[in-house]
Amino acid sequence: MATASHTVEVSVPQKEVWDFVSHMEKWATLVPGYREHQILNDKQSTWTFAGNVGVLKKEVKVQIDITEWEEPHKISFTLTGLSDKFSGQGYFEDVELGANKTQMTGHLEMKAGGLAAPVLNPIFVAVLPKATSILTNRVANKIQLVHA
């Protein structure tokens, strides 16, 4: 299973970080490779991503299910491949460092199954750290921009 975490400091109160990350439609467009998403209800959505795997271009559909809201510091979710056999989980977690400073961590785990697993799992191991870092930084930057 590929696992990655990235932590950043955000110069806004913890409540502002929570208000952003606890609503997936606010950060869905910030995920690397984002194409579109559809909110099914307050705990479930489907997302479409596009990416390159070597010389191949691939579109992937994923179902995101919110599994826990631990206000004001953690939102956890699962990922289920709809177009390919893979699964995963992740979270955004924040810790108040001061009145206007919050530490935010983005975490993702992914594992491929089925016939493609021997090919996809090494790719997940290679790309997940960068994707997690990019997503966490984009979310932090957007939060700071919105609350500047």
N, C-alpha and C. Protein backbone atom coordinates (compact mmCIF):
# COMPACT_ATOMS: atom_id res chain seq x y z
N MET A 1 0.85 -1.18 0.00
CA MET A 1 0.00 0.00 0.00
C MET A 1 0.89 1.24 0.00
N ALA A 2 0.59 2.17 -0.89
CA ALA A 2 1.31 3.43 -0.93
C ALA A 2 0.72 4.38 0.11
N THR A 3 1.59 5.05 0.85
CA THR A 3 1.17 5.96 1.91
C THR A 3 1.98 7.23 1.82
N ALA A 4 1.31 8.37 2.02
CA ALA A 4 2.02 9.65 2.00
C ALA A 4 1.29 10.65 2.89
N SER A 5 2.08 11.50 3.55
CA SER A 5 1.55 12.60 4.36
C SER A 5 2.36 13.85 4.07
N HIS A 6 1.71 14.99 4.21
CA HIS A 6 2.40 16.26 4.05
C HIS A 6 1.79 17.24 5.04
N THR A 7 2.65 17.99 5.75
CA THR A 7 2.20 18.93 6.77
C THR A 7 2.68 20.33 6.43
N VAL A 8 1.78 21.30 6.59
CA VAL A 8 2.10 22.71 6.36
C VAL A 8 1.50 23.55 7.48
N GLU A 9 2.03 24.76 7.63
CA GLU A 9 1.42 25.72 8.54
C GLU A 9 0.60 26.71 7.73
N VAL A 10 -0.58 27.02 8.24
CA VAL A 10 -1.50 27.94 7.58
C VAL A 10 -1.72 29.11 8.53
N SER A 11 -1.59 30.32 8.02
CA SER A 11 -1.71 31.52 8.85
C SER A 11 -3.15 31.98 8.96
N VAL A 12 -4.00 31.10 9.44
CA VAL A 12 -5.41 31.39 9.70
C VAL A 12 -5.83 30.60 10.94
N PRO A 13 -6.92 31.01 11.60
CA PRO A 13 -7.40 30.25 12.74
C PRO A 13 -7.84 28.83 12.35
N GLN A 14 -7.79 27.93 13.30
CA GLN A 14 -8.18 26.53 13.08
C GLN A 14 -9.59 26.43 12.52
N LYS A 15 -10.50 27.27 12.98
CA LYS A 15 -11.88 27.23 12.51
C LYS A 15 -11.96 27.45 11.00
N GLU A 16 -11.14 28.34 10.46
CA GLU A 16 -11.14 28.62 9.03
C GLU A 16 -10.64 27.41 8.23
N VAL A 17 -9.64 26.71 8.76
CA VAL A 17 -9.15 25.50 8.10
C VAL A 17 -10.25 24.46 8.10
N TRP A 18 -10.89 24.27 9.24
CA TRP A 18 -11.97 23.28 9.34
C TRP A 18 -13.11 23.63 8.39
N ASP A 19 -13.52 24.89 8.35
CA ASP A 19 -14.62 25.30 7.47
C ASP A 19 -14.33 24.96 6.01
N PHE A 20 -13.07 24.99 5.63
CA PHE A 20 -12.70 24.69 4.24
C PHE A 20 -12.62 23.18 4.00
N VAL A 21 -11.83 22.47 4.79
CA VAL A 21 -11.59 21.05 4.50
C VAL A 21 -12.80 20.16 4.82
N SER A 22 -13.71 20.63 5.65
CA SER A 22 -14.87 19.80 5.99
C SER A 22 -15.94 19.80 4.90
N HIS A 23 -15.74 20.57 3.84
CA HIS A 23 -16.65 20.60 2.69
C HIS A 23 -15.86 20.21 1.44
N MET A 24 -15.99 18.95 1.02
CA MET A 24 -15.15 18.45 -0.06
C MET A 24 -15.29 19.22 -1.37
N GLU A 25 -16.45 19.84 -1.61
CA GLU A 25 -16.60 20.58 -2.86
C GLU A 25 -15.69 21.81 -2.89
N LYS A 26 -15.21 22.27 -1.75
CA LYS A 26 -14.30 23.41 -1.71
C LYS A 26 -12.89 23.04 -2.16
N TRP A 27 -12.50 21.78 -1.98
CA TRP A 27 -11.13 21.40 -2.35
C TRP A 27 -11.03 20.35 -3.46
N ALA A 28 -12.13 19.87 -3.95
CA ALA A 28 -12.10 18.84 -5.01
C ALA A 28 -11.31 19.32 -6.22
N THR A 29 -11.52 20.55 -6.63
CA THR A 29 -10.85 21.07 -7.83
C THR A 29 -9.35 21.25 -7.65
N LEU A 30 -8.86 21.14 -6.43
CA LEU A 30 -7.44 21.33 -6.16
C LEU A 30 -6.64 20.03 -6.26
N VAL A 31 -7.32 18.90 -6.42
CA VAL A 31 -6.64 17.61 -6.51
C VAL A 31 -5.92 17.51 -7.86
N PRO A 32 -4.65 17.11 -7.86
CA PRO A 32 -3.93 16.97 -9.13
C PRO A 32 -4.69 16.06 -10.11
N GLY A 33 -4.82 16.50 -11.34
CA GLY A 33 -5.50 15.73 -12.38
C GLY A 33 -7.02 15.88 -12.38
N TYR A 34 -7.53 16.76 -11.54
CA TYR A 34 -8.99 16.95 -11.43
C TYR A 34 -9.62 17.26 -12.78
N ARG A 35 -10.75 16.61 -13.08
CA ARG A 35 -11.55 16.90 -14.27
C ARG A 35 -12.94 17.37 -13.89
N GLU A 36 -13.62 16.61 -13.01
CA GLU A 36 -14.97 16.98 -12.59
C GLU A 36 -15.33 16.20 -11.33
N HIS A 37 -16.39 16.66 -10.67
CA HIS A 37 -16.92 15.92 -9.53
C HIS A 37 -18.42 16.15 -9.43
N GLN A 38 -19.06 15.25 -8.73
CA GLN A 38 -20.49 15.36 -8.50
C GLN A 38 -20.74 15.04 -7.03
N ILE A 39 -21.38 15.98 -6.32
CA ILE A 39 -21.73 15.77 -4.93
C ILE A 39 -23.04 14.97 -4.91
N LEU A 40 -23.01 13.80 -4.30
CA LEU A 40 -24.20 12.95 -4.20
C LEU A 40 -25.01 13.28 -2.95
N ASN A 41 -24.31 13.54 -1.85
CA ASN A 41 -24.92 14.00 -0.61
C ASN A 41 -23.79 14.57 0.24
N ASP A 42 -24.06 14.96 1.48
CA ASP A 42 -23.02 15.62 2.27
C ASP A 42 -21.87 14.71 2.67
N LYS A 43 -21.99 13.40 2.46
CA LYS A 43 -20.92 12.47 2.80
C LYS A 43 -20.37 11.68 1.62
N GLN A 44 -20.91 11.90 0.43
CA GLN A 44 -20.50 11.07 -0.69
C GLN A 44 -20.45 11.89 -1.99
N SER A 45 -19.42 11.60 -2.79
CA SER A 45 -19.30 12.25 -4.09
C SER A 45 -18.52 11.33 -5.03
N THR A 46 -18.61 11.63 -6.32
CA THR A 46 -17.80 10.94 -7.31
C THR A 46 -16.92 11.97 -8.00
N TRP A 47 -15.69 11.59 -8.28
CA TRP A 47 -14.71 12.49 -8.88
C TRP A 47 -14.11 11.80 -10.09
N THR A 48 -13.73 12.60 -11.08
CA THR A 48 -13.02 12.10 -12.26
C THR A 48 -11.68 12.81 -12.35
N PHE A 49 -10.63 12.02 -12.53
CA PHE A 49 -9.27 12.54 -12.67
C PHE A 49 -8.68 12.03 -13.97
N ALA A 50 -7.71 12.76 -14.48
CA ALA A 50 -6.96 12.31 -15.65
C ALA A 50 -5.48 12.41 -15.31
N GLY A 51 -4.73 11.47 -15.80
CA GLY A 51 -3.29 11.49 -15.55
C GLY A 51 -2.55 10.67 -16.58
N ASN A 52 -1.25 10.75 -16.53
CA ASN A 52 -0.40 10.00 -17.43
C ASN A 52 0.27 8.87 -16.66
N VAL A 53 0.24 7.70 -17.24
CA VAL A 53 0.95 6.54 -16.71
C VAL A 53 1.93 6.15 -17.80
N GLY A 54 3.16 6.62 -17.66
CA GLY A 54 4.13 6.41 -18.73
C GLY A 54 3.68 7.18 -19.96
N VAL A 55 3.50 6.49 -21.07
CA VAL A 55 3.06 7.15 -22.30
C VAL A 55 1.54 7.12 -22.45
N LEU A 56 0.87 6.42 -21.55
CA LEU A 56 -0.59 6.29 -21.62
C LEU A 56 -1.28 7.41 -20.85
N LYS A 57 -2.37 7.91 -21.41
CA LYS A 57 -3.23 8.85 -20.69
C LYS A 57 -4.41 8.06 -20.16
N LYS A 58 -4.75 8.29 -18.90
CA LYS A 58 -5.76 7.49 -18.24
C LYS A 58 -6.75 8.40 -17.51
N GLU A 59 -8.04 8.09 -17.64
CA GLU A 59 -9.07 8.77 -16.87
C GLU A 59 -9.56 7.80 -15.81
N VAL A 60 -9.68 8.30 -14.58
CA VAL A 60 -10.05 7.46 -13.45
C VAL A 60 -11.26 8.08 -12.75
N LYS A 61 -12.23 7.25 -12.43
CA LYS A 61 -13.41 7.68 -11.67
C LYS A 61 -13.33 7.08 -10.27
N VAL A 62 -13.61 7.91 -9.27
CA VAL A 62 -13.45 7.54 -7.87
C VAL A 62 -14.69 7.95 -7.08
N GLN A 63 -15.08 7.12 -6.14
CA GLN A 63 -16.12 7.50 -5.19
C GLN A 63 -15.44 7.87 -3.88
N ILE A 64 -15.80 9.02 -3.34
CA ILE A 64 -15.26 9.50 -2.07
C ILE A 64 -16.38 9.43 -1.03
N ASP A 65 -16.11 8.77 0.07
CA ASP A 65 -17.07 8.68 1.17
C ASP A 65 -16.44 9.26 2.43
N ILE A 66 -17.09 10.27 3.01
CA ILE A 66 -16.62 10.82 4.27
C ILE A 66 -16.96 9.79 5.36
N THR A 67 -15.95 9.39 6.12
CA THR A 67 -16.17 8.38 7.16
C THR A 67 -16.23 8.99 8.55
N GLU A 68 -15.57 10.14 8.74
CA GLU A 68 -15.59 10.79 10.05
C GLU A 68 -15.43 12.29 9.91
N TRP A 69 -16.23 13.01 10.67
CA TRP A 69 -16.04 14.44 10.87
C TRP A 69 -15.73 14.61 12.35
N GLU A 70 -14.51 14.96 12.69
CA GLU A 70 -14.12 15.18 14.07
C GLU A 70 -13.85 16.67 14.24
N GLU A 71 -14.94 17.43 14.27
CA GLU A 71 -14.81 18.89 14.34
C GLU A 71 -14.11 19.29 15.62
N PRO A 72 -13.17 20.22 15.57
CA PRO A 72 -12.76 21.02 14.42
C PRO A 72 -11.41 20.60 13.84
N HIS A 73 -11.02 19.33 14.03
CA HIS A 73 -9.63 19.04 13.66
C HIS A 73 -9.39 17.92 12.65
N LYS A 74 -10.39 17.11 12.29
CA LYS A 74 -10.06 16.03 11.35
C LYS A 74 -11.29 15.60 10.55
N ILE A 75 -11.07 15.43 9.25
CA ILE A 75 -12.08 14.84 8.36
C ILE A 75 -11.40 13.66 7.67
N SER A 76 -12.03 12.50 7.75
CA SER A 76 -11.47 11.28 7.15
C SER A 76 -12.40 10.79 6.04
N PHE A 77 -11.80 10.14 5.03
CA PHE A 77 -12.58 9.67 3.90
C PHE A 77 -11.98 8.40 3.32
N THR A 78 -12.80 7.66 2.58
CA THR A 78 -12.32 6.52 1.82
C THR A 78 -12.44 6.82 0.34
N LEU A 79 -11.64 6.14 -0.45
CA LEU A 79 -11.67 6.26 -1.91
C LEU A 79 -11.90 4.87 -2.48
N THR A 80 -12.83 4.77 -3.42
CA THR A 80 -13.11 3.50 -4.08
C THR A 80 -13.09 3.73 -5.59
N GLY A 81 -12.27 2.98 -6.27
CA GLY A 81 -12.20 3.10 -7.72
C GLY A 81 -13.49 2.62 -8.37
N LEU A 82 -14.05 3.44 -9.24
CA LEU A 82 -15.24 3.05 -9.99
C LEU A 82 -14.88 2.56 -11.39
N SER A 83 -13.79 3.10 -11.94
CA SER A 83 -13.36 2.71 -13.27
C SER A 83 -12.24 1.68 -13.24
N ASP A 84 -11.54 1.60 -12.12
CA ASP A 84 -10.43 0.66 -11.94
C ASP A 84 -10.53 0.10 -10.53
N LYS A 85 -9.91 -1.07 -10.33
CA LYS A 85 -10.00 -1.70 -9.02
C LYS A 85 -8.88 -1.18 -8.12
N PHE A 86 -9.23 -0.22 -7.26
CA PHE A 86 -8.31 0.26 -6.24
C PHE A 86 -9.13 0.84 -5.09
N SER A 87 -8.47 1.00 -3.98
CA SER A 87 -9.13 1.58 -2.82
C SER A 87 -8.10 2.37 -2.03
N GLY A 88 -8.60 3.16 -1.13
CA GLY A 88 -7.70 3.95 -0.31
C GLY A 88 -8.45 4.70 0.76
N GLN A 89 -7.70 5.48 1.47
CA GLN A 89 -8.28 6.33 2.49
C GLN A 89 -7.39 7.52 2.69
N GLY A 90 -7.93 8.51 3.37
CA GLY A 90 -7.15 9.70 3.63
C GLY A 90 -7.82 10.57 4.66
N TYR A 91 -7.14 11.65 4.97
CA TYR A 91 -7.70 12.62 5.91
C TYR A 91 -6.99 13.95 5.78
N PHE A 92 -7.66 14.97 6.27
CA PHE A 92 -7.06 16.27 6.56
C PHE A 92 -7.19 16.43 8.06
N GLU A 93 -6.09 16.77 8.69
CA GLU A 93 -6.08 16.96 10.14
C GLU A 93 -5.40 18.28 10.44
N ASP A 94 -5.95 19.02 11.41
CA ASP A 94 -5.32 20.29 11.76
C ASP A 94 -5.17 20.41 13.27
N VAL A 95 -4.12 21.13 13.65
CA VAL A 95 -3.80 21.38 15.04
C VAL A 95 -3.62 22.88 15.21
N GLU A 96 -4.30 23.45 16.18
CA GLU A 96 -4.18 24.88 16.45
C GLU A 96 -2.83 25.17 17.07
N LEU A 97 -2.08 26.07 16.44
CA LEU A 97 -0.77 26.47 16.96
C LEU A 97 -0.83 27.83 17.65
N GLY A 98 -1.90 28.57 17.39
CA GLY A 98 -2.09 29.90 17.97
C GLY A 98 -3.39 30.46 17.43
N ALA A 99 -3.70 31.67 17.82
CA ALA A 99 -4.98 32.28 17.41
C ALA A 99 -5.10 32.36 15.89
N ASN A 100 -4.00 32.61 15.20
CA ASN A 100 -4.03 32.76 13.74
C ASN A 100 -3.00 31.86 13.05
N LYS A 101 -2.76 30.70 13.62
CA LYS A 101 -1.81 29.76 13.01
C LYS A 101 -2.28 28.34 13.27
N THR A 102 -2.34 27.55 12.18
CA THR A 102 -2.81 26.18 12.27
C THR A 102 -1.87 25.28 11.47
N GLN A 103 -1.57 24.14 12.04
CA GLN A 103 -0.79 23.12 11.32
C GLN A 103 -1.78 22.17 10.68
N MET A 104 -1.65 21.97 9.37
CA MET A 104 -2.57 21.11 8.64
C MET A 104 -1.78 19.97 7.98
N THR A 105 -2.31 18.75 8.11
CA THR A 105 -1.69 17.57 7.50
C THR A 105 -2.68 16.93 6.55
N GLY A 106 -2.22 16.65 5.34
CA GLY A 106 -2.97 15.86 4.37
C GLY A 106 -2.34 14.48 4.31
N HIS A 107 -3.16 13.44 4.31
CA HIS A 107 -2.66 12.07 4.32
C HIS A 107 -3.47 11.23 3.33
N LEU A 108 -2.79 10.41 2.52
CA LEU A 108 -3.45 9.51 1.58
C LEU A 108 -2.79 8.13 1.60
N GLU A 109 -3.62 7.11 1.44
CA GLU A 109 -3.15 5.72 1.27
C GLU A 109 -3.91 5.14 0.09
N MET A 110 -3.22 4.44 -0.79
CA MET A 110 -3.85 3.85 -1.98
C MET A 110 -3.30 2.45 -2.21
N LYS A 111 -4.20 1.56 -2.66
CA LYS A 111 -3.79 0.20 -3.01
C LYS A 111 -4.62 -0.28 -4.19
N ALA A 112 -3.94 -0.76 -5.20
CA ALA A 112 -4.62 -1.31 -6.38
C ALA A 112 -4.91 -2.79 -6.15
N GLY A 113 -5.96 -3.27 -6.80
CA GLY A 113 -6.31 -4.68 -6.75
C GLY A 113 -6.48 -5.21 -8.16
N GLY A 114 -6.82 -6.47 -8.26
CA GLY A 114 -7.08 -7.06 -9.57
C GLY A 114 -5.83 -7.27 -10.40
N LEU A 115 -6.04 -7.47 -11.68
CA LEU A 115 -4.94 -7.77 -12.60
C LEU A 115 -3.94 -6.62 -12.75
N ALA A 116 -4.40 -5.40 -12.57
CA ALA A 116 -3.52 -4.24 -12.74
C ALA A 116 -2.67 -3.95 -11.51
N ALA A 117 -2.92 -4.61 -10.39
CA ALA A 117 -2.21 -4.32 -9.14
C ALA A 117 -0.68 -4.34 -9.28
N PRO A 118 -0.09 -5.34 -9.95
CA PRO A 118 1.37 -5.35 -10.05
C PRO A 118 1.95 -4.13 -10.79
N VAL A 119 1.15 -3.54 -11.67
CA VAL A 119 1.60 -2.36 -12.40
C VAL A 119 1.26 -1.09 -11.63
N LEU A 120 0.04 -1.01 -11.09
CA LEU A 120 -0.42 0.22 -10.44
C LEU A 120 0.20 0.48 -9.07
N ASN A 121 0.40 -0.53 -8.26
CA ASN A 121 0.93 -0.29 -6.92
C ASN A 121 2.30 0.39 -6.92
N PRO A 122 3.25 -0.02 -7.76
CA PRO A 122 4.51 0.73 -7.81
C PRO A 122 4.33 2.18 -8.29
N ILE A 123 3.37 2.41 -9.17
CA ILE A 123 3.09 3.77 -9.63
C ILE A 123 2.53 4.58 -8.47
N PHE A 124 1.60 4.00 -7.70
CA PHE A 124 1.07 4.70 -6.52
C PHE A 124 2.20 5.08 -5.56
N VAL A 125 3.12 4.14 -5.31
CA VAL A 125 4.24 4.40 -4.40
C VAL A 125 5.07 5.58 -4.92
N ALA A 126 5.26 5.64 -6.23
CA ALA A 126 6.08 6.69 -6.82
C ALA A 126 5.40 8.06 -6.84
N VAL A 127 4.10 8.10 -7.13
CA VAL A 127 3.44 9.40 -7.34
C VAL A 127 2.67 9.93 -6.13
N LEU A 128 2.31 9.08 -5.19
CA LEU A 128 1.47 9.53 -4.08
C LEU A 128 2.13 10.60 -3.20
N PRO A 129 3.43 10.49 -2.87
CA PRO A 129 4.03 11.56 -2.05
C PRO A 129 3.94 12.94 -2.71
N LYS A 130 4.23 13.01 -3.99
CA LYS A 130 4.16 14.30 -4.69
C LYS A 130 2.72 14.79 -4.78
N ALA A 131 1.79 13.91 -5.12
CA ALA A 131 0.38 14.30 -5.23
C ALA A 131 -0.17 14.78 -3.89
N THR A 132 0.21 14.10 -2.79
CA THR A 132 -0.24 14.50 -1.46
C THR A 132 0.32 15.86 -1.09
N SER A 133 1.58 16.08 -1.40
CA SER A 133 2.21 17.36 -1.13
C SER A 133 1.55 18.48 -1.94
N ILE A 134 1.34 18.24 -3.22
CA ILE A 134 0.69 19.25 -4.08
C ILE A 134 -0.70 19.58 -3.56
N LEU A 135 -1.49 18.56 -3.27
CA LEU A 135 -2.86 18.79 -2.79
C LEU A 135 -2.86 19.57 -1.47
N THR A 136 -2.05 19.14 -0.52
CA THR A 136 -2.03 19.80 0.79
C THR A 136 -1.59 21.26 0.64
N ASN A 137 -0.57 21.51 -0.17
CA ASN A 137 -0.12 22.89 -0.39
C ASN A 137 -1.19 23.72 -1.09
N ARG A 138 -1.86 23.16 -2.07
CA ARG A 138 -2.92 23.89 -2.77
C ARG A 138 -4.06 24.25 -1.81
N VAL A 139 -4.45 23.30 -0.96
CA VAL A 139 -5.52 23.56 0.01
C VAL A 139 -5.09 24.67 0.97
N ALA A 140 -3.87 24.57 1.49
CA ALA A 140 -3.37 25.60 2.41
C ALA A 140 -3.34 26.97 1.74
N ASN A 141 -2.84 27.02 0.51
CA ASN A 141 -2.77 28.30 -0.22
C ASN A 141 -4.15 28.88 -0.47
N LYS A 142 -5.10 28.03 -0.83
CA LYS A 142 -6.47 28.49 -1.10
C LYS A 142 -7.11 29.03 0.18
N ILE A 143 -6.92 28.33 1.31
CA ILE A 143 -7.46 28.79 2.58
C ILE A 143 -6.90 30.17 2.92
N GLN A 144 -5.60 30.33 2.76
CA GLN A 144 -4.98 31.62 3.08
C GLN A 144 -5.44 32.71 2.13
N LEU A 145 -5.64 32.37 0.86
CA LEU A 145 -6.11 33.35 -0.13
C LEU A 145 -7.53 33.81 0.20
N VAL A 146 -8.39 32.85 0.54
CA VAL A 146 -9.79 33.16 0.85
C VAL A 146 -9.89 34.03 2.11
N HIS A 147 -8.98 33.82 3.06
CA HIS A 147 -9.07 34.51 4.34
C HIS A 147 -8.00 35.58 4.51
N ALA A 148 -7.46 36.05 3.40
CA ALA A 148 -6.42 37.10 3.48
C ALA A 148 -7.05 38.46 3.74
